[in-house]
Amino acid sequence: MGNKVDMAEVHSFSDELKSATSSLKSQLDAIKKSADQIAEMDSFTGLQQMLRKIISKIFI
């Protein structure tokens, strides 16, 4: 009827998932920070609007 699950494997998978999620969040935060820095540059006025639209779609 039911399948047995090794709880050690479940905990290990959970830990790996938390680590991967944390890493992904850090990478996305770094991308957002870089995009914000580019958007603040005076020389990228047209690009600034485009970046803000893209960033708002990604992070909102």
PDB file of N, CA and C in Angstrom:
ATOM      1  N   MET A   1       0.799  -1.195   0.000  1.00  0.00           N
ATOM      2  CA  MET A   1       0.000   0.000   0.000  1.00  0.00           C
ATOM      3  C   MET A   1       0.849   1.268   0.000  1.00  0.00           C
ATOM      4  N   GLY A   2       1.509   1.515   1.098  1.00  0.00           N
ATOM      5  CA  GLY A   2       2.294   2.736   1.197  1.00  0.00           C
ATOM      6  C   GLY A   2       3.763   2.484   0.946  1.00  0.00           C
ATOM      7  N   ASN A   3       4.438   3.515   0.557  1.00  0.00           N
ATOM      8  CA  ASN A   3       5.879   3.437   0.357  1.00  0.00           C
ATOM      9  C   ASN A   3       6.583   3.986   1.583  1.00  0.00           C
ATOM     10  N   LYS A   4       7.648   3.328   1.976  1.00  0.00           N
ATOM     11  CA  LYS A   4       8.428   3.806   3.111  1.00  0.00           C
ATOM     12  C   LYS A   4       9.402   4.873   2.627  1.00  0.00           C
ATOM     13  N   VAL A   5       9.601   5.853   3.474  1.00  0.00           N
ATOM     14  CA  VAL A   5      10.492   6.957   3.145  1.00  0.00           C
ATOM     15  C   VAL A   5      11.571   7.029   4.209  1.00  0.00           C
ATOM     16  N   ASP A   6      12.793   7.137   3.759  1.00  0.00           N
ATOM     17  CA  ASP A   6      13.912   7.305   4.688  1.00  0.00           C
ATOM     18  C   ASP A   6      13.953   8.776   5.087  1.00  0.00           C
ATOM     19  N   MET A   7      13.644   9.058   6.342  1.00  0.00           N
ATOM     20  CA  MET A   7      13.573  10.441   6.813  1.00  0.00           C
ATOM     21  C   MET A   7      14.918  11.154   6.705  1.00  0.00           C
ATOM     22  N   ALA A   8      16.007  10.419   6.788  1.00  0.00           N
ATOM     23  CA  ALA A   8      17.327  11.038   6.625  1.00  0.00           C
ATOM     24  C   ALA A   8      17.457  11.625   5.218  1.00  0.00           C
ATOM     25  N   GLU A   9      16.927  10.906   4.229  1.00  0.00           N
ATOM     26  CA  GLU A   9      16.952  11.410   2.856  1.00  0.00           C
ATOM     27  C   GLU A   9      16.070  12.648   2.709  1.00  0.00           C
ATOM     28  N   VAL A  10      14.931  12.630   3.376  1.00  0.00           N
ATOM     29  CA  VAL A  10      14.021  13.776   3.325  1.00  0.00           C
ATOM     30  C   VAL A  10      14.697  15.006   3.927  1.00  0.00           C
ATOM     31  N   HIS A  11      15.334  14.829   5.083  1.00  0.00           N
ATOM     32  CA  HIS A  11      16.023  15.940   5.733  1.00  0.00           C
ATOM     33  C   HIS A  11      17.200  16.432   4.887  1.00  0.00           C
ATOM     34  N   SER A  12      17.915  15.509   4.287  1.00  0.00           N
ATOM     35  CA  SER A  12      19.040  15.878   3.434  1.00  0.00           C
ATOM     36  C   SER A  12      18.554  16.680   2.226  1.00  0.00           C
ATOM     37  N   PHE A  13      17.481  16.210   1.606  1.00  0.00           N
ATOM     38  CA  PHE A  13      16.917  16.922   0.462  1.00  0.00           C
ATOM     39  C   PHE A  13      16.435  18.310   0.876  1.00  0.00           C
ATOM     40  N   SER A  14      15.799  18.391   2.027  1.00  0.00           N
ATOM     41  CA  SER A  14      15.321  19.672   2.536  1.00  0.00           C
ATOM     42  C   SER A  14      16.479  20.643   2.749  1.00  0.00           C
ATOM     43  N   ASP A  15      17.565  20.161   3.324  1.00  0.00           N
ATOM     44  CA  ASP A  15      18.746  21.003   3.543  1.00  0.00           C
ATOM     45  C   ASP A  15      19.340  21.482   2.220  1.00  0.00           C
ATOM     46  N   GLU A  16      19.414  20.578   1.241  1.00  0.00           N
ATOM     47  CA  GLU A  16      19.944  20.946  -0.076  1.00  0.00           C
ATOM     48  C   GLU A  16      19.054  21.988  -0.746  1.00  0.00           C
ATOM     49  N   LEU A  17      17.750  21.814  -0.611  1.00  0.00           N
ATOM     50  CA  LEU A  17      16.805  22.755  -1.203  1.00  0.00           C
ATOM     51  C   LEU A  17      16.928  24.130  -0.552  1.00  0.00           C
ATOM     52  N   LYS A  18      17.061  24.166   0.762  1.00  0.00           N
ATOM     53  CA  LYS A  18      17.240  25.441   1.468  1.00  0.00           C
ATOM     54  C   LYS A  18      18.521  26.130   1.015  1.00  0.00           C
ATOM     55  N   SER A  19      19.584  25.357   0.864  1.00  0.00           N
ATOM     56  CA  SER A  19      20.864  25.916   0.434  1.00  0.00           C
ATOM     57  C   SER A  19      20.768  26.478  -0.988  1.00  0.00           C
ATOM     58  N   ALA A  20      20.155  25.720  -1.877  1.00  0.00           N
ATOM     59  CA  ALA A  20      20.015  26.165  -3.265  1.00  0.00           C
ATOM     60  C   ALA A  20      19.136  27.408  -3.347  1.00  0.00           C
ATOM     61  N   THR A  21      18.076  27.441  -2.561  1.00  0.00           N
ATOM     62  CA  THR A  21      17.180  28.593  -2.542  1.00  0.00           C
ATOM     63  C   THR A  21      17.900  29.832  -2.035  1.00  0.00           C
ATOM     64  N   SER A  22      18.681  29.660  -0.990  1.00  0.00           N
ATOM     65  CA  SER A  22      19.442  30.775  -0.428  1.00  0.00           C
ATOM     66  C   SER A  22      20.456  31.304  -1.439  1.00  0.00           C
ATOM     67  N   SER A  23      21.126  30.398  -2.117  1.00  0.00           N
ATOM     68  CA  SER A  23      22.106  30.787  -3.125  1.00  0.00           C
ATOM     69  C   SER A  23      21.433  31.539  -4.273  1.00  0.00           C
ATOM     70  N   LEU A  24      20.306  31.039  -4.718  1.00  0.00           N
ATOM     71  CA  LEU A  24      19.576  31.691  -5.804  1.00  0.00           C
ATOM     72  C   LEU A  24      19.121  33.086  -5.389  1.00  0.00           C
ATOM     73  N   LYS A  25      18.618  33.216  -4.173  1.00  0.00           N
ATOM     74  CA  LYS A  25      18.191  34.529  -3.681  1.00  0.00           C
ATOM     75  C   LYS A  25      19.366  35.500  -3.640  1.00  0.00           C
ATOM     76  N   SER A  26      20.517  35.033  -3.182  1.00  0.00           N
ATOM     77  CA  SER A  26      21.706  35.890  -3.140  1.00  0.00           C
ATOM     78  C   SER A  26      22.104  36.347  -4.536  1.00  0.00           C
ATOM     79  N   GLN A  27      22.051  35.432  -5.488  1.00  0.00           N
ATOM     80  CA  GLN A  27      22.410  35.771  -6.859  1.00  0.00           C
ATOM     81  C   GLN A  27      21.420  36.768  -7.460  1.00  0.00           C
ATOM     82  N   LEU A  28      20.129  36.584  -7.183  1.00  0.00           N
ATOM     83  CA  LEU A  28      19.127  37.522  -7.684  1.00  0.00           C
ATOM     84  C   LEU A  28      19.287  38.895  -7.042  1.00  0.00           C
ATOM     85  N   ASP A  29      19.622  38.918  -5.761  1.00  0.00           N
ATOM     86  CA  ASP A  29      19.873  40.194  -5.085  1.00  0.00           C
ATOM     87  C   ASP A  29      21.063  40.914  -5.718  1.00  0.00           C
ATOM     88  N   ALA A  30      22.099  40.164  -6.069  1.00  0.00           N
ATOM     89  CA  ALA A  30      23.277  40.759  -6.712  1.00  0.00           C
ATOM     90  C   ALA A  30      22.918  41.313  -8.088  1.00  0.00           C
ATOM     91  N   ILE A  31      22.089  40.600  -8.822  1.00  0.00           N
ATOM     92  CA  ILE A  31      21.648  41.076 -10.136  1.00  0.00           C
ATOM     93  C   ILE A  31      20.849  42.362  -9.981  1.00  0.00           C
ATOM     94  N   LYS A  32      19.935  42.374  -9.022  1.00  0.00           N
ATOM     95  CA  LYS A  32      19.128  43.573  -8.787  1.00  0.00           C
ATOM     96  C   LYS A  32      20.013  44.756  -8.410  1.00  0.00           C
ATOM     97  N   LYS A  33      20.995  44.522  -7.548  1.00  0.00           N
ATOM     98  CA  LYS A  33      21.897  45.594  -7.127  1.00  0.00           C
ATOM     99  C   LYS A  33      22.668  46.143  -8.330  1.00  0.00           C
ATOM    100  N   SER A  34      23.174  45.252  -9.169  1.00  0.00           N
ATOM    101  CA  SER A  34      23.913  45.684 -10.360  1.00  0.00           C
ATOM    102  C   SER A  34      23.017  46.456 -11.318  1.00  0.00           C
ATOM    103  N   ALA A  35      21.802  45.966 -11.508  1.00  0.00           N
ATOM    104  CA  ALA A  35      20.870  46.652 -12.401  1.00  0.00           C
ATOM    105  C   ALA A  35      20.509  48.023 -11.853  1.00  0.00           C
ATOM    106  N   ASP A  36      20.339  48.123 -10.548  1.00  0.00           N
ATOM    107  CA  ASP A  36      20.048  49.421  -9.933  1.00  0.00           C
ATOM    108  C   ASP A  36      21.212  50.390 -10.131  1.00  0.00           C
ATOM    109  N   GLN A  37      22.438  49.888 -10.012  1.00  0.00           N
ATOM    110  CA  GLN A  37      23.612  50.740 -10.212  1.00  0.00           C
ATOM    111  C   GLN A  37      23.671  51.246 -11.648  1.00  0.00           C
ATOM    112  N   ILE A  38      23.375  50.381 -12.590  1.00  0.00           N
ATOM    113  CA  ILE A  38      23.366  50.790 -13.997  1.00  0.00           C
ATOM    114  C   ILE A  38      22.257  51.810 -14.232  1.00  0.00           C
ATOM    115  N   ALA A  39      21.093  51.559 -13.641  1.00  0.00           N
ATOM    116  CA  ALA A  39      19.952  52.458 -13.829  1.00  0.00           C
ATOM    117  C   ALA A  39      20.227  53.851 -13.281  1.00  0.00           C
ATOM    118  N   GLU A  40      21.091  53.951 -12.295  1.00  0.00           N
ATOM    119  CA  GLU A  40      21.408  55.249 -11.698  1.00  0.00           C
ATOM    120  C   GLU A  40      22.424  56.050 -12.515  1.00  0.00           C
ATOM    121  N   MET A  41      23.083  55.424 -13.478  1.00  0.00           N
ATOM    122  CA  MET A  41      24.064  56.128 -14.298  1.00  0.00           C
ATOM    123  C   MET A  41      23.355  57.109 -15.230  1.00  0.00           C
ATOM    124  N   ASP A  42      23.863  58.325 -15.287  1.00  0.00           N
ATOM    125  CA  ASP A  42      23.269  59.354 -16.141  1.00  0.00           C
ATOM    126  C   ASP A  42      23.361  58.998 -17.622  1.00  0.00           C
ATOM    127  N   SER A  43      24.386  58.284 -18.002  1.00  0.00           N
ATOM    128  CA  SER A  43      24.609  57.975 -19.412  1.00  0.00           C
ATOM    129  C   SER A  43      23.682  56.889 -19.950  1.00  0.00           C
ATOM    130  N   PHE A  44      22.913  56.261 -19.088  1.00  0.00           N
ATOM    131  CA  PHE A  44      22.023  55.181 -19.517  1.00  0.00           C
ATOM    132  C   PHE A  44      20.560  55.557 -19.307  1.00  0.00           C
ATOM    133  N   THR A  45      20.187  56.750 -19.748  1.00  0.00           N
ATOM    134  CA  THR A  45      18.836  57.247 -19.506  1.00  0.00           C
ATOM    135  C   THR A  45      17.767  56.365 -20.139  1.00  0.00           C
ATOM    136  N   GLY A  46      17.888  56.038 -21.417  1.00  0.00           N
ATOM    137  CA  GLY A  46      16.898  55.186 -22.073  1.00  0.00           C
ATOM    138  C   GLY A  46      16.906  53.780 -21.516  1.00  0.00           C
ATOM    139  N   LEU A  47      18.097  53.303 -21.238  1.00  0.00           N
ATOM    140  CA  LEU A  47      18.250  51.968 -20.675  1.00  0.00           C
ATOM    141  C   LEU A  47      17.687  51.907 -19.262  1.00  0.00           C
ATOM    142  N   GLN A  48      17.744  53.013 -18.577  1.00  0.00           N
ATOM    143  CA  GLN A  48      17.260  53.074 -17.202  1.00  0.00           C
ATOM    144  C   GLN A  48      15.781  52.692 -17.126  1.00  0.00           C
ATOM    145  N   GLN A  49      14.981  53.251 -17.984  1.00  0.00           N
ATOM    146  CA  GLN A  49      13.554  52.938 -17.974  1.00  0.00           C
ATOM    147  C   GLN A  49      13.317  51.468 -18.288  1.00  0.00           C
ATOM    148  N   MET A  50      14.041  50.947 -19.261  1.00  0.00           N
ATOM    149  CA  MET A  50      13.888  49.554 -19.630  1.00  0.00           C
ATOM    150  C   MET A  50      14.274  48.641 -18.469  1.00  0.00           C
ATOM    151  N   LEU A  51      15.392  48.946 -17.816  1.00  0.00           N
ATOM    152  CA  LEU A  51      15.831  48.135 -16.684  1.00  0.00           C
ATOM    153  C   LEU A  51      14.827  48.165 -15.544  1.00  0.00           C
ATOM    154  N   ARG A  52      14.300  49.320 -15.260  1.00  0.00           N
ATOM    155  CA  ARG A  52      13.320  49.414 -14.176  1.00  0.00           C
ATOM    156  C   ARG A  52      12.090  48.579 -14.478  1.00  0.00           C
ATOM    157  N   LYS A  53      11.646  48.573 -15.732  1.00  0.00           N
ATOM    158  CA  LYS A  53      10.501  47.748 -16.108  1.00  0.00           C
ATOM    159  C   LYS A  53      10.827  46.270 -15.940  1.00  0.00           C
ATOM    160  N   ILE A  54      11.996  45.863 -16.398  1.00  0.00           N
ATOM    161  CA  ILE A  54      12.397  44.459 -16.295  1.00  0.00           C
ATOM    162  C   ILE A  54      12.529  44.048 -14.836  1.00  0.00           C
ATOM    163  N   ILE A  55      13.210  44.868 -14.051  1.00  0.00           N
ATOM    164  CA  ILE A  55      13.415  44.553 -12.638  1.00  0.00           C
ATOM    165  C   ILE A  55      12.083  44.484 -11.910  1.00  0.00           C
ATOM    166  N   SER A  56      11.189  45.407 -12.202  1.00  0.00           N
ATOM    167  CA  SER A  56       9.904  45.390 -11.504  1.00  0.00           C
ATOM    168  C   SER A  56       9.107  44.143 -11.862  1.00  0.00           C
ATOM    169  N   LYS A  57       9.225  43.664 -13.096  1.00  0.00           N
ATOM    170  CA  LYS A  57       8.527  42.438 -13.484  1.00  0.00           C
ATOM    171  C   LYS A  57       9.132  41.218 -12.801  1.00  0.00           C
ATOM    172  N   ILE A  58      10.433  41.224 -12.609  1.00  0.00           N
ATOM    173  CA  ILE A  58      11.110  40.083 -11.993  1.00  0.00           C
ATOM    174  C   ILE A  58      10.866  40.030 -10.494  1.00  0.00           C
ATOM    175  N   PHE A  59      10.978  41.159  -9.821  1.00  0.00           N
ATOM    176  CA  PHE A  59      10.984  41.165  -8.363  1.00  0.00           C
ATOM    177  C   PHE A  59       9.666  41.573  -7.728  1.00  0.00           C
ATOM    178  N   ILE A  60       8.669  41.871  -8.512  1.00  0.00           N
ATOM    179  CA  ILE A  60       7.378  42.259  -7.918  1.00  0.00           C
ATOM    180  C   ILE A  60       6.346  41.207  -8.189  1.00  0.00           C
TER     181      ILE A  60
END
